[in-house]
Amino acid sequence: MYIVMDSLLPYYHKKMKVWAKENHVKLAYTPTYTSWLNSIECHFGSLRKFFLEGSIYSTHTSWLRRAKNTYDGATDVNVTMRYL
């Protein structure tokens, strides 16, 4: 199995490489400055606008609570996409 990831620094950590080897997983990294290759990147702008625009969150926890309540039970891709 292959896992394709961007070049976020923690993905290169020794623990990640050990886990991959123990689980027979090959890690494949996208080149630097190619976030457009990661299909989730196109959704970040919509998520930012939906959750943050016109909102004030006093703590990171309150933002996470809103995100969890919004997506709670939204396991189907089509259900999740209506929020984007």
C-alpha atoms as a PDB file:
ATOM      1  CA  MET A   1       0.000   0.000   0.000  1.00  0.00           C
ATOM      2  CA  TYR A   2       1.142   3.525  -0.747  1.00  0.00           C
ATOM      3  CA  ILE A   3       0.260   6.661   1.177  1.00  0.00           C
ATOM      4  CA  VAL A   4       0.725   9.909  -0.719  1.00  0.00           C
ATOM      5  CA  MET A   5       1.376  12.937   1.491  1.00  0.00           C
ATOM      6  CA  ASP A   6       2.481  16.503   1.106  1.00  0.00           C
ATOM      7  CA  SER A   7       5.855  17.578   2.384  1.00  0.00           C
ATOM      8  CA  LEU A   8       4.776  18.646   5.880  1.00  0.00           C
ATOM      9  CA  LEU A   9       7.803  18.259   8.125  1.00  0.00           C
ATOM     10  CA  PRO A  10       6.244  15.852  10.699  1.00  0.00           C
ATOM     11  CA  TYR A  11       5.600  13.329   7.905  1.00  0.00           C
ATOM     12  CA  TYR A  12       9.360  12.860   7.643  1.00  0.00           C
ATOM     13  CA  HIS A  13       9.754  12.001  11.332  1.00  0.00           C
ATOM     14  CA  LYS A  14      11.550   8.771  12.176  1.00  0.00           C
ATOM     15  CA  LYS A  15       8.452   7.402  13.977  1.00  0.00           C
ATOM     16  CA  MET A  16       6.434   7.787  10.776  1.00  0.00           C
ATOM     17  CA  LYS A  17       9.036   5.919   8.765  1.00  0.00           C
ATOM     18  CA  VAL A  18       9.237   3.140  11.364  1.00  0.00           C
ATOM     19  CA  TRP A  19       5.438   2.792  11.404  1.00  0.00           C
ATOM     20  CA  ALA A  20       5.348   2.565   7.621  1.00  0.00           C
ATOM     21  CA  LYS A  21       8.045  -0.099   7.536  1.00  0.00           C
ATOM     22  CA  GLU A  22       6.351  -2.172  10.264  1.00  0.00           C
ATOM     23  CA  ASN A  23       3.019  -2.004   8.422  1.00  0.00           C
ATOM     24  CA  HIS A  24       4.434  -2.637   4.941  1.00  0.00           C
ATOM     25  CA  VAL A  25       3.410   0.803   3.721  1.00  0.00           C
ATOM     26  CA  LYS A  26       5.351   2.874   1.203  1.00  0.00           C
ATOM     27  CA  LEU A  27       5.325   6.603   1.839  1.00  0.00           C
ATOM     28  CA  ALA A  28       5.221   8.846  -1.217  1.00  0.00           C
ATOM     29  CA  TYR A  29       5.670  12.587  -0.828  1.00  0.00           C
ATOM     30  CA  THR A  30       4.442  15.224  -3.247  1.00  0.00           C
ATOM     31  CA  PRO A  31       7.149  17.671  -4.315  1.00  0.00           C
ATOM     32  CA  THR A  32       7.473  20.967  -2.456  1.00  0.00           C
ATOM     33  CA  TYR A  33       5.138  23.740  -3.707  1.00  0.00           C
ATOM     34  CA  THR A  34       2.750  21.330  -5.418  1.00  0.00           C
ATOM     35  CA  SER A  35      -0.220  21.502  -3.043  1.00  0.00           C
ATOM     36  CA  TRP A  36      -2.485  21.529  -6.109  1.00  0.00           C
ATOM     37  CA  LEU A  37      -1.641  17.812  -6.480  1.00  0.00           C
ATOM     38  CA  ASN A  38      -3.364  17.119  -3.153  1.00  0.00           C
ATOM     39  CA  SER A  39      -7.093  16.830  -3.901  1.00  0.00           C
ATOM     40  CA  ILE A  40      -8.173  18.055  -0.438  1.00  0.00           C
ATOM     41  CA  GLU A  41      -6.417  21.421  -0.867  1.00  0.00           C
ATOM     42  CA  CYS A  42      -9.218  22.786  -3.066  1.00  0.00           C
ATOM     43  CA  HIS A  43     -11.649  22.473  -0.140  1.00  0.00           C
ATOM     44  CA  PHE A  44      -9.631  24.455   2.389  1.00  0.00           C
ATOM     45  CA  GLY A  45     -10.782  27.841   1.062  1.00  0.00           C
ATOM     46  CA  SER A  46     -14.441  26.851   1.357  1.00  0.00           C
ATOM     47  CA  LEU A  47     -13.919  25.461   4.845  1.00  0.00           C
ATOM     48  CA  ARG A  48     -12.101  28.611   5.939  1.00  0.00           C
ATOM     49  CA  LYS A  49     -14.908  30.791   4.613  1.00  0.00           C
ATOM     50  CA  PHE A  50     -17.669  28.638   6.129  1.00  0.00           C
ATOM     51  CA  PHE A  51     -16.152  28.400   9.605  1.00  0.00           C
ATOM     52  CA  LEU A  52     -14.242  31.630  10.009  1.00  0.00           C
ATOM     53  CA  GLU A  53     -15.771  34.413   7.927  1.00  0.00           C
ATOM     54  CA  GLY A  54     -17.851  36.672  10.143  1.00  0.00           C
ATOM     55  CA  SER A  55     -17.179  34.518  13.211  1.00  0.00           C
ATOM     56  CA  ILE A  56     -15.243  35.163  16.371  1.00  0.00           C
ATOM     57  CA  TYR A  57     -13.976  32.189  18.333  1.00  0.00           C
ATOM     58  CA  SER A  58     -12.502  32.902  21.742  1.00  0.00           C
ATOM     59  CA  THR A  59     -10.524  29.656  21.811  1.00  0.00           C
ATOM     60  CA  HIS A  60      -9.326  26.959  19.468  1.00  0.00           C
ATOM     61  CA  THR A  61     -11.564  24.542  21.392  1.00  0.00           C
ATOM     62  CA  SER A  62     -14.698  26.540  20.558  1.00  0.00           C
ATOM     63  CA  TRP A  63     -13.800  26.439  16.872  1.00  0.00           C
ATOM     64  CA  LEU A  64     -13.251  22.675  17.042  1.00  0.00           C
ATOM     65  CA  ARG A  65     -16.598  22.232  18.803  1.00  0.00           C
ATOM     66  CA  ARG A  66     -18.349  24.104  15.980  1.00  0.00           C
ATOM     67  CA  ALA A  67     -16.586  22.010  13.365  1.00  0.00           C
ATOM     68  CA  LYS A  68     -17.461  18.769  15.128  1.00  0.00           C
ATOM     69  CA  ASN A  69     -21.114  19.744  15.575  1.00  0.00           C
ATOM     70  CA  THR A  70     -21.369  20.735  11.923  1.00  0.00           C
ATOM     71  CA  TYR A  71     -19.871  17.529  10.584  1.00  0.00           C
ATOM     72  CA  ASP A  72     -21.177  15.169  13.284  1.00  0.00           C
ATOM     73  CA  GLY A  73     -22.802  12.248  11.517  1.00  0.00           C
ATOM     74  CA  ALA A  74     -21.774  13.449   8.061  1.00  0.00           C
ATOM     75  CA  THR A  75     -20.020  10.301   6.917  1.00  0.00           C
ATOM     76  CA  ASP A  76     -21.360  10.232   3.384  1.00  0.00           C
ATOM     77  CA  VAL A  77     -19.296  12.257   0.884  1.00  0.00           C
ATOM     78  CA  ASN A  78     -22.401  13.916  -0.567  1.00  0.00           C
ATOM     79  CA  VAL A  79     -23.608  14.962   2.888  1.00  0.00           C
ATOM     80  CA  THR A  80     -20.216  16.392   3.748  1.00  0.00           C
ATOM     81  CA  MET A  81     -19.925  18.266   0.454  1.00  0.00           C
ATOM     82  CA  ARG A  82     -23.100  20.275   1.054  1.00  0.00           C
ATOM     83  CA  TYR A  83     -21.202  22.164   3.752  1.00  0.00           C
ATOM     84  CA  LEU A  84     -18.352  23.120   1.424  1.00  0.00           C
END
